[in-house]
């Protein structure tokens, strides 16, 4: 029992059993989402080939060897650019020269941070339809009005017919 409590304290509270947490930032654009390891946590003085790393959403979407081409535009040990927004992306790295592993939780509210036209796409389609129908109605109304005015100008008046003109 004492050993379990000691392990729980060391691993859970002091976090000595897991990798160190590092910071990650996420930004969503219209066509992509970028997850970036913060400047203070970046790998700069180690050779990236000495490191193993992975970017995980629901599953591994990229690592030091490969990427999922349907979801990932580009990736490095410090950043990943995806075609889809994921609310949570977990980054893990283990470099030989650092002698410990690191982990970052990249979080973003994809719905909240989506560009306006993505959030309101259905709404804008409704407005496009309403404006289109209104434009067609106005064009038809204008044609009918123009024809009516033109036919009034061409019709002989009753006074002109009686006079023989």
Protein backbone atom coordinates (compact mmCIF):
# COMPACT_ATOMS: atom_id res chain seq x y z
CA UNK A 1 0.00 0.00 0.00
CA UNK A 2 2.82 2.43 0.83
CA UNK A 3 4.57 1.66 -2.46
CA UNK A 4 1.37 2.40 -4.41
CA UNK A 5 0.92 5.70 -2.57
CA UNK A 6 4.55 6.62 -3.20
CA UNK A 7 4.25 5.82 -6.93
CA UNK A 8 0.99 7.74 -7.12
CA UNK A 9 2.67 10.75 -5.51
CA UNK A 10 5.79 10.57 -7.70
CA UNK A 11 3.94 9.96 -10.98
CA UNK A 12 0.72 11.86 -10.39
CA UNK A 13 1.77 14.87 -8.38
CA UNK A 14 5.43 15.37 -9.26
CA UNK A 15 5.00 13.94 -12.78
CA UNK A 16 8.32 12.11 -12.66
CA UNK A 17 7.03 9.11 -14.62
CA UNK A 18 5.94 10.96 -17.73
CA UNK A 19 7.46 13.40 -20.16
CA UNK A 20 7.67 17.10 -19.51
CA UNK A 21 4.82 19.27 -20.71
CA UNK A 22 5.60 21.90 -23.31
CA UNK A 23 3.39 24.65 -24.70
CA UNK A 24 1.48 24.55 -27.96
CA UNK A 25 -0.56 27.17 -29.80
CA UNK A 26 -3.27 26.62 -32.40
CA UNK A 27 -4.67 28.97 -35.02
CA UNK A 28 -7.48 28.32 -37.47
CA UNK A 29 -7.69 29.88 -40.91
CA UNK A 30 -10.22 29.38 -43.72
CA UNK A 31 -8.41 26.52 -45.45
CA UNK A 32 -6.21 25.07 -42.70
CA UNK A 33 -5.39 24.86 -39.00
CA UNK A 34 -1.86 25.31 -37.66
CA UNK A 35 -0.61 23.81 -34.41
CA UNK A 36 2.75 25.21 -33.29
CA UNK A 37 5.08 24.41 -30.42
CA UNK A 38 5.80 27.67 -28.59
CA UNK A 39 9.16 29.38 -29.09
CA UNK A 40 10.51 28.47 -25.65
CA UNK A 41 9.68 24.79 -26.18
CA UNK A 42 11.00 24.43 -29.72
CA UNK A 43 13.73 22.06 -30.76
CA UNK A 44 16.54 24.19 -32.11
CA UNK A 45 19.84 22.89 -30.81
CA UNK A 46 19.24 19.20 -31.57
CA UNK A 47 19.35 17.40 -34.87
CA UNK A 48 15.75 16.55 -35.86
CA UNK A 49 16.95 13.18 -37.16
CA UNK A 50 17.91 12.31 -33.54
CA UNK A 51 14.28 12.75 -32.52
CA UNK A 52 11.12 10.73 -32.78
CA UNK A 53 7.92 12.71 -32.68
CA UNK A 54 4.23 12.33 -33.42
CA UNK A 55 1.17 14.50 -33.87
CA UNK A 56 -2.01 12.73 -32.76
CA UNK A 57 -5.67 13.70 -33.12
CA UNK A 58 -8.02 10.71 -32.87
CA UNK A 59 -5.09 8.72 -34.23
CA UNK A 60 -1.54 9.52 -35.33
CA UNK A 61 -1.82 11.93 -38.24
CA UNK A 62 1.92 12.57 -38.65
CA UNK A 63 5.22 11.49 -37.17
CA UNK A 64 8.93 11.74 -37.87
CA UNK A 65 8.59 9.22 -40.73
CA UNK A 66 5.30 9.97 -42.49
CA UNK A 67 2.03 11.89 -42.58
CA UNK A 68 -1.58 11.27 -43.48
CA UNK A 69 -1.81 13.17 -46.80
CA UNK A 70 -5.59 13.59 -46.54
CA UNK A 71 -5.30 15.48 -43.24
CA UNK A 72 -1.80 16.98 -43.13
CA UNK A 73 -0.47 19.64 -45.50
CA UNK A 74 2.95 19.88 -43.88
CA UNK A 75 4.64 19.02 -40.60
CA UNK A 76 7.92 19.41 -38.76
CA UNK A 77 9.11 18.69 -35.26
CA UNK A 78 7.85 22.17 -34.27
CA UNK A 79 4.60 22.58 -36.22
CA UNK A 80 1.86 20.86 -38.18
CA UNK A 81 -0.64 22.28 -40.67
CA UNK A 82 -3.84 20.29 -41.16
CA UNK A 83 -6.68 20.54 -43.66
CA UNK A 84 -9.18 19.79 -40.90
CA UNK A 85 -9.55 21.43 -37.52
CA UNK A 86 -9.14 19.12 -34.53
CA UNK A 87 -10.19 20.39 -31.09
CA UNK A 88 -7.24 18.57 -29.52
CA UNK A 89 -3.93 17.53 -31.03
CA UNK A 90 -1.31 15.85 -28.87
CA UNK A 91 2.36 16.30 -29.75
CA UNK A 92 4.99 13.95 -28.35
CA UNK A 93 8.73 14.07 -28.92
CA UNK A 94 11.67 12.10 -27.69
CA UNK A 95 15.15 13.28 -28.69
CA UNK A 96 18.26 11.30 -27.80
CA UNK A 97 20.21 14.41 -26.78
CA UNK A 98 17.44 15.67 -24.49
CA UNK A 99 17.29 12.41 -22.49
CA UNK A 100 13.60 12.84 -21.69
CA UNK A 101 10.34 12.94 -23.57
CA UNK A 102 8.11 15.96 -24.02
CA UNK A 103 4.40 16.29 -24.59
CA UNK A 104 2.12 19.14 -25.62
CA UNK A 105 -1.65 19.40 -25.73
CA UNK A 106 -2.75 21.72 -28.50
CA UNK A 107 -6.34 22.80 -27.93
CA UNK A 108 -8.65 24.98 -30.00
CA UNK A 109 -12.41 25.34 -30.17
CA UNK A 110 -12.88 24.60 -33.87
CA UNK A 111 -16.51 25.76 -33.93
CA UNK A 112 -15.86 28.99 -32.06
CA UNK A 113 -12.75 29.89 -34.07
CA UNK A 114 -14.08 28.95 -37.50
CA UNK A 115 -14.11 31.82 -39.98
CA UNK A 116 -17.49 33.57 -40.25
CA UNK A 117 -18.34 32.15 -43.65
CA UNK A 118 -17.73 28.58 -42.43
CA UNK A 119 -19.93 29.04 -39.37
CA UNK A 120 -22.70 30.71 -41.36
CA UNK A 121 -22.42 28.82 -44.64
CA UNK A 122 -26.01 27.51 -44.50
CA UNK A 123 -27.28 30.94 -43.53
CA UNK A 124 -25.51 32.59 -46.48
CA UNK A 125 -26.93 30.02 -48.92
CA UNK A 126 -30.42 30.99 -47.77
CA UNK A 127 -29.66 34.67 -48.36
CA UNK A 128 -28.21 33.94 -51.80
CA UNK A 129 -31.46 32.14 -52.68
CA UNK A 130 -33.65 34.97 -51.39
CA UNK A 131 -31.66 37.63 -53.25
CA UNK A 132 -31.70 35.50 -56.43
CA UNK A 133 -35.48 35.04 -56.35
CA UNK A 134 -35.99 38.74 -55.62
CA UNK A 135 -33.73 39.71 -58.55
CA UNK A 136 -35.61 37.43 -60.95
CA UNK A 137 -38.93 38.84 -59.71
CA UNK A 138 -37.74 42.43 -60.25
CA UNK A 139 -36.46 41.63 -63.76
CA UNK A 140 -39.80 40.03 -64.76
CA UNK A 141 -41.70 42.95 -63.22
CA UNK A 142 -39.49 45.42 -65.11
CA UNK A 143 -40.06 43.59 -68.43
CA UNK A 144 -43.84 43.60 -67.92
CA UNK A 145 -43.83 47.28 -67.01
CA UNK A 146 -41.67 48.14 -70.04
CA UNK A 147 -44.00 46.21 -72.38
CA UNK A 148 -47.07 47.94 -70.91
CA UNK A 149 -45.51 51.38 -71.37
CA UNK A 150 -44.43 50.55 -74.92
CA UNK A 151 -47.87 49.17 -75.92
CA UNK A 152 -49.58 52.30 -74.55
CA UNK A 153 -47.35 54.48 -76.74
CA UNK A 154 -48.14 52.45 -79.90
CA UNK A 155 -51.96 52.15 -79.45
CA UNK A 156 -53.95 54.80 -81.25
CA UNK A 157 -56.09 56.91 -78.99
CA UNK A 158 -59.89 56.93 -79.37
CA UNK A 159 -59.89 60.65 -80.31
CA UNK A 160 -57.35 60.00 -83.11
CA UNK A 161 -59.48 57.15 -84.52
CA UNK A 162 -62.65 59.32 -84.65
CA UNK A 163 -60.89 62.13 -86.44
CA UNK A 164 -59.57 59.79 -89.09
CA UNK A 165 -55.94 60.15 -88.35
